[in-house]
Every structure is written in C-alpha cells, then in structure tokens.
Amino acid sequence: MPKFINPPGNPGAQYGLSSAAVSGEYMFAAGMALDFDTLQRSADAVEVADETRICLAGIEAKLNEAGFALTDIVKTTCWLSDESHRMEFIQAYRDYFGDGPYPARCSFVAGLAGGCRVEIDAVAFRSA
C-alpha cells in the first residue's frame, strides 16, 4: 500500500497534489518552485539556478522525511520552459549533486505552470 507524504498544511492538497509517495523501497517526488498562494513562480527563484536548487531542495526534504537520501535518487525527469535555460540548469543540477553519482536523467522543454522555468520529478530506490 503506498504511503503519501503530506506534511500538515500541505498547500498542494487543495489542488489534488501529494508531496511525494512511497511504495515499498521506491519513492516518487516532484519539485517545483511554485508559490501556492499566487500559483506563480516563487519570488526567491530569481535565476534558473535558484529555481533548480529550490526544486531539488524540496525533493531532498521529502526524501529525508521518508528515510531516503539524495543518493537514493536513481532517475529524474526534468522539464525546462525554454531551451535557453539548459546550460544554467545543468550547472546548478551538477552542483547540487556534487561529485555524483548522478541519477539517470531525461530533460524536456515544455510549458510549465505559473511562469516556472524548471520542474523536476525524481524516483528514489532504497536498497536493503
């Protein structure tokens, strides 16, 4: 049975969103720098690098809450609102993971909600 990670006052619940889900040894989490009051990009996401770090920090907090670690991420799917953001995103992504290992990653360019430029979906696996 999946366990959904929804901290008290989870702002996403009003939009039908869970923060993350754990099923067995897998965890699924998404990160987006979205202000749920305005449904616009968070004010502190000034640069694409800031926004990338906010997304990854949100995912990492959810991982930690469920007993996972950043190094448990095996796969990310990343969306950028514009191809011109790719290099700044890649640098911030690499900086966040340090020397690696880096998860398998697919990146796409697509329209994103609320003026956001980055959205990240992560799959983590906790090995025994």
C-alpha atoms as a PDB file:
ATOM      1  CA  MET A   1       0.000   0.000   0.000  1.00  0.00           C
ATOM      2  CA  PRO A   2       1.534   3.355  -0.965  1.00  0.00           C
ATOM      3  CA  LYS A   3       2.219   5.936   1.713  1.00  0.00           C
ATOM      4  CA  PHE A   4       1.660   9.514   0.642  1.00  0.00           C
ATOM      5  CA  ILE A   5       3.899  12.194   2.137  1.00  0.00           C
ATOM      6  CA  ASN A   6       1.731  15.179   3.013  1.00  0.00           C
ATOM      7  CA  PRO A   7       3.052  17.437   5.750  1.00  0.00           C
ATOM      8  CA  PRO A   8       0.470  19.281   7.866  1.00  0.00           C
ATOM      9  CA  GLY A   9      -0.902  22.238   5.959  1.00  0.00           C
ATOM     10  CA  ASN A  10       0.297  20.775   2.652  1.00  0.00           C
ATOM     11  CA  PRO A  11      -0.610  23.572   0.235  1.00  0.00           C
ATOM     12  CA  GLY A  12      -0.769  21.182  -2.702  1.00  0.00           C
ATOM     13  CA  ALA A  13      -3.698  19.255  -1.226  1.00  0.00           C
ATOM     14  CA  GLN A  14      -6.148  21.968  -2.301  1.00  0.00           C
ATOM     15  CA  TYR A  15      -5.062  21.247  -5.886  1.00  0.00           C
ATOM     16  CA  GLY A  16      -5.160  17.455  -5.541  1.00  0.00           C
ATOM     17  CA  LEU A  17      -1.392  17.101  -5.131  1.00  0.00           C
ATOM     18  CA  SER A  18       0.613  14.964  -2.712  1.00  0.00           C
ATOM     19  CA  SER A  19       4.155  15.993  -1.855  1.00  0.00           C
ATOM     20  CA  ALA A  20       5.525  12.516  -2.532  1.00  0.00           C
ATOM     21  CA  ALA A  21       4.642   8.842  -2.381  1.00  0.00           C
ATOM     22  CA  VAL A  22       6.470   5.793  -1.062  1.00  0.00           C
ATOM     23  CA  SER A  23       5.720   2.313  -2.351  1.00  0.00           C
ATOM     24  CA  GLY A  24       7.908  -0.431  -0.930  1.00  0.00           C
ATOM     25  CA  GLU A  25      11.510   0.591  -1.424  1.00  0.00           C
ATOM     26  CA  TYR A  26      10.636   3.233  -4.032  1.00  0.00           C
ATOM     27  CA  MET A  27       9.843   6.879  -3.528  1.00  0.00           C
ATOM     28  CA  PHE A  28       8.378   9.273  -6.082  1.00  0.00           C
ATOM     29  CA  ALA A  29       8.683  13.016  -5.514  1.00  0.00           C
ATOM     30  CA  ALA A  30       8.372  16.189  -7.532  1.00  0.00           C
ATOM     31  CA  GLY A  31       9.871  19.609  -7.045  1.00  0.00           C
ATOM     32  CA  MET A  32       8.705  22.933  -8.372  1.00  0.00           C
ATOM     33  CA  ALA A  33       9.372  26.494  -7.193  1.00  0.00           C
ATOM     34  CA  LEU A  34       5.691  27.417  -7.205  1.00  0.00           C
ATOM     35  CA  ASP A  35       4.065  29.769  -4.708  1.00  0.00           C
ATOM     36  CA  PHE A  36       0.774  28.019  -3.913  1.00  0.00           C
ATOM     37  CA  ASP A  37      -0.847  31.268  -2.772  1.00  0.00           C
ATOM     38  CA  THR A  38      -0.366  33.016  -6.104  1.00  0.00           C
ATOM     39  CA  LEU A  39       0.188  29.969  -8.351  1.00  0.00           C
ATOM     40  CA  GLN A  40       3.201  31.808  -9.774  1.00  0.00           C
ATOM     41  CA  ARG A  41       6.924  31.110  -9.636  1.00  0.00           C
ATOM     42  CA  SER A  42       8.318  31.688  -6.130  1.00  0.00           C
ATOM     43  CA  ALA A  43       9.839  35.140  -5.656  1.00  0.00           C
ATOM     44  CA  ASP A  44      13.141  33.604  -4.482  1.00  0.00           C
ATOM     45  CA  ALA A  45      13.550  31.742  -7.797  1.00  0.00           C
ATOM     46  CA  VAL A  46      15.232  34.716  -9.449  1.00  0.00           C
ATOM     47  CA  GLU A  47      17.642  32.804 -11.693  1.00  0.00           C
ATOM     48  CA  VAL A  48      17.182  29.385 -13.302  1.00  0.00           C
ATOM     49  CA  ALA A  49      19.939  28.127 -10.987  1.00  0.00           C
ATOM     50  CA  ASP A  50      17.965  29.332  -7.934  1.00  0.00           C
ATOM     51  CA  GLU A  51      14.859  27.622  -9.230  1.00  0.00           C
ATOM     52  CA  THR A  52      16.748  24.377  -9.848  1.00  0.00           C
ATOM     53  CA  ARG A  53      18.145  24.405  -6.298  1.00  0.00           C
ATOM     54  CA  ILE A  54      14.676  25.109  -4.853  1.00  0.00           C
ATOM     55  CA  CYS A  55      13.234  22.157  -6.779  1.00  0.00           C
ATOM     56  CA  LEU A  56      15.995  19.805  -5.645  1.00  0.00           C
ATOM     57  CA  ALA A  57      15.929  21.040  -2.035  1.00  0.00           C
ATOM     58  CA  GLY A  58      12.190  20.374  -1.907  1.00  0.00           C
ATOM     59  CA  ILE A  59      12.713  16.865  -3.230  1.00  0.00           C
ATOM     60  CA  GLU A  60      15.557  16.256  -0.784  1.00  0.00           C
ATOM     61  CA  ALA A  61      13.395  17.383   2.172  1.00  0.00           C
ATOM     62  CA  LYS A  62      10.665  14.929   1.122  1.00  0.00           C
ATOM     63  CA  LEU A  63      13.246  12.153   0.764  1.00  0.00           C
ATOM     64  CA  ASN A  64      14.629  12.839   4.222  1.00  0.00           C
ATOM     65  CA  GLU A  65      11.146  12.867   5.749  1.00  0.00           C
ATOM     66  CA  ALA A  66      10.575   9.348   4.427  1.00  0.00           C
ATOM     67  CA  GLY A  67      14.002   7.997   5.421  1.00  0.00           C
ATOM     68  CA  PHE A  68      15.605   8.284   1.975  1.00  0.00           C
ATOM     69  CA  ALA A  69      18.701  10.249   0.962  1.00  0.00           C
ATOM     70  CA  LEU A  70      19.638  12.323  -2.078  1.00  0.00           C
ATOM     71  CA  THR A  71      21.983   9.492  -3.119  1.00  0.00           C
ATOM     72  CA  ASP A  72      18.959   7.155  -3.330  1.00  0.00           C
ATOM     73  CA  ILE A  73      17.647   9.022  -6.391  1.00  0.00           C
ATOM     74  CA  VAL A  74      18.051   6.749  -9.399  1.00  0.00           C
ATOM     75  CA  LYS A  75      16.099   8.682 -12.046  1.00  0.00           C
ATOM     76  CA  THR A  76      14.944  12.236 -12.665  1.00  0.00           C
ATOM     77  CA  THR A  77      12.741  13.682 -15.338  1.00  0.00           C
ATOM     78  CA  CYS A  78      13.326  17.395 -15.737  1.00  0.00           C
ATOM     79  CA  TRP A  79      11.284  19.963 -17.608  1.00  0.00           C
ATOM     80  CA  LEU A  80      12.571  23.343 -18.723  1.00  0.00           C
ATOM     81  CA  SER A  81      10.307  26.047 -20.084  1.00  0.00           C
ATOM     82  CA  ASP A  82      12.858  27.103 -22.698  1.00  0.00           C
ATOM     83  CA  GLU A  83      15.905  25.508 -24.319  1.00  0.00           C
ATOM     84  CA  SER A  84      17.960  28.604 -23.443  1.00  0.00           C
ATOM     85  CA  HIS A  85      17.815  27.571 -19.748  1.00  0.00           C
ATOM     86  CA  ARG A  86      19.515  24.200 -20.306  1.00  0.00           C
ATOM     87  CA  MET A  87      23.147  25.077 -19.504  1.00  0.00           C
ATOM     88  CA  GLU A  88      22.309  27.075 -16.356  1.00  0.00           C
ATOM     89  CA  PHE A  89      20.048  24.223 -15.234  1.00  0.00           C
ATOM     90  CA  ILE A  90      22.737  21.592 -15.877  1.00  0.00           C
ATOM     91  CA  GLN A  91      25.342  23.524 -13.879  1.00  0.00           C
ATOM     92  CA  ALA A  92      23.013  24.008 -10.889  1.00  0.00           C
ATOM     93  CA  TYR A  93      21.910  20.355 -11.077  1.00  0.00           C
ATOM     94  CA  ARG A  94      25.525  19.131 -11.095  1.00  0.00           C
ATOM     95  CA  ASP A  95      26.437  21.496  -8.261  1.00  0.00           C
ATOM     96  CA  TYR A  96      23.555  20.164  -6.153  1.00  0.00           C
ATOM     97  CA  PHE A  97      24.622  16.539  -6.582  1.00  0.00           C
ATOM     98  CA  GLY A  98      28.293  17.414  -6.106  1.00  0.00           C
ATOM     99  CA  ASP A  99      30.669  14.784  -7.420  1.00  0.00           C
ATOM    100  CA  GLY A 100      27.781  12.411  -8.057  1.00  0.00           C
ATOM    101  CA  PRO A 101      26.712   9.835  -8.619  1.00  0.00           C
ATOM    102  CA  TYR A 102      24.225  11.485 -10.915  1.00  0.00           C
ATOM    103  CA  PRO A 103      20.822   9.887 -11.433  1.00  0.00           C
ATOM    104  CA  ALA A 104      19.755   8.819 -14.901  1.00  0.00           C
ATOM    105  CA  ARG A 105      18.039  11.898 -16.349  1.00  0.00           C
ATOM    106  CA  CYS A 106      15.698  12.843 -19.162  1.00  0.00           C
ATOM    107  CA  SER A 107      15.182  16.526 -19.858  1.00  0.00           C
ATOM    108  CA  PHE A 108      12.414  18.082 -21.913  1.00  0.00           C
ATOM    109  CA  VAL A 109      11.315  21.535 -22.968  1.00  0.00           C
ATOM    110  CA  ALA A 110       7.629  22.137 -22.244  1.00  0.00           C
ATOM    111  CA  GLY A 111       5.203  24.759 -20.994  1.00  0.00           C
ATOM    112  CA  LEU A 112       5.183  24.917 -17.177  1.00  0.00           C
ATOM    113  CA  ALA A 113       2.633  26.343 -14.754  1.00  0.00           C
ATOM    114  CA  GLY A 114       2.822  29.785 -13.193  1.00  0.00           C
ATOM    115  CA  GLY A 115       5.819  31.121 -15.072  1.00  0.00           C
ATOM    116  CA  CYS A 116       8.068  28.406 -13.697  1.00  0.00           C
ATOM    117  CA  ARG A 117      11.123  27.549 -15.748  1.00  0.00           C
ATOM    118  CA  VAL A 118      12.097  24.261 -14.057  1.00  0.00           C
ATOM    119  CA  GLU A 119      10.214  21.247 -12.741  1.00  0.00           C
ATOM    120  CA  ILE A 120      11.831  18.017 -11.559  1.00  0.00           C
ATOM    121  CA  ASP A 121      10.334  14.606 -10.930  1.00  0.00           C
ATOM    122  CA  ALA A 122      12.504  12.090  -9.034  1.00  0.00           C
ATOM    123  CA  VAL A 123      12.391   8.363  -8.396  1.00  0.00           C
ATOM    124  CA  ALA A 124      14.425   7.029  -5.490  1.00  0.00           C
ATOM    125  CA  PHE A 125      15.218   3.442  -4.507  1.00  0.00           C
ATOM    126  CA  ARG A 126      16.292   2.462  -1.013  1.00  0.00           C
ATOM    127  CA  SER A 127      18.423  -0.655  -1.216  1.00  0.00           C
ATOM    128  CA  ALA A 128      18.390  -3.122   1.678  1.00  0.00           C
END
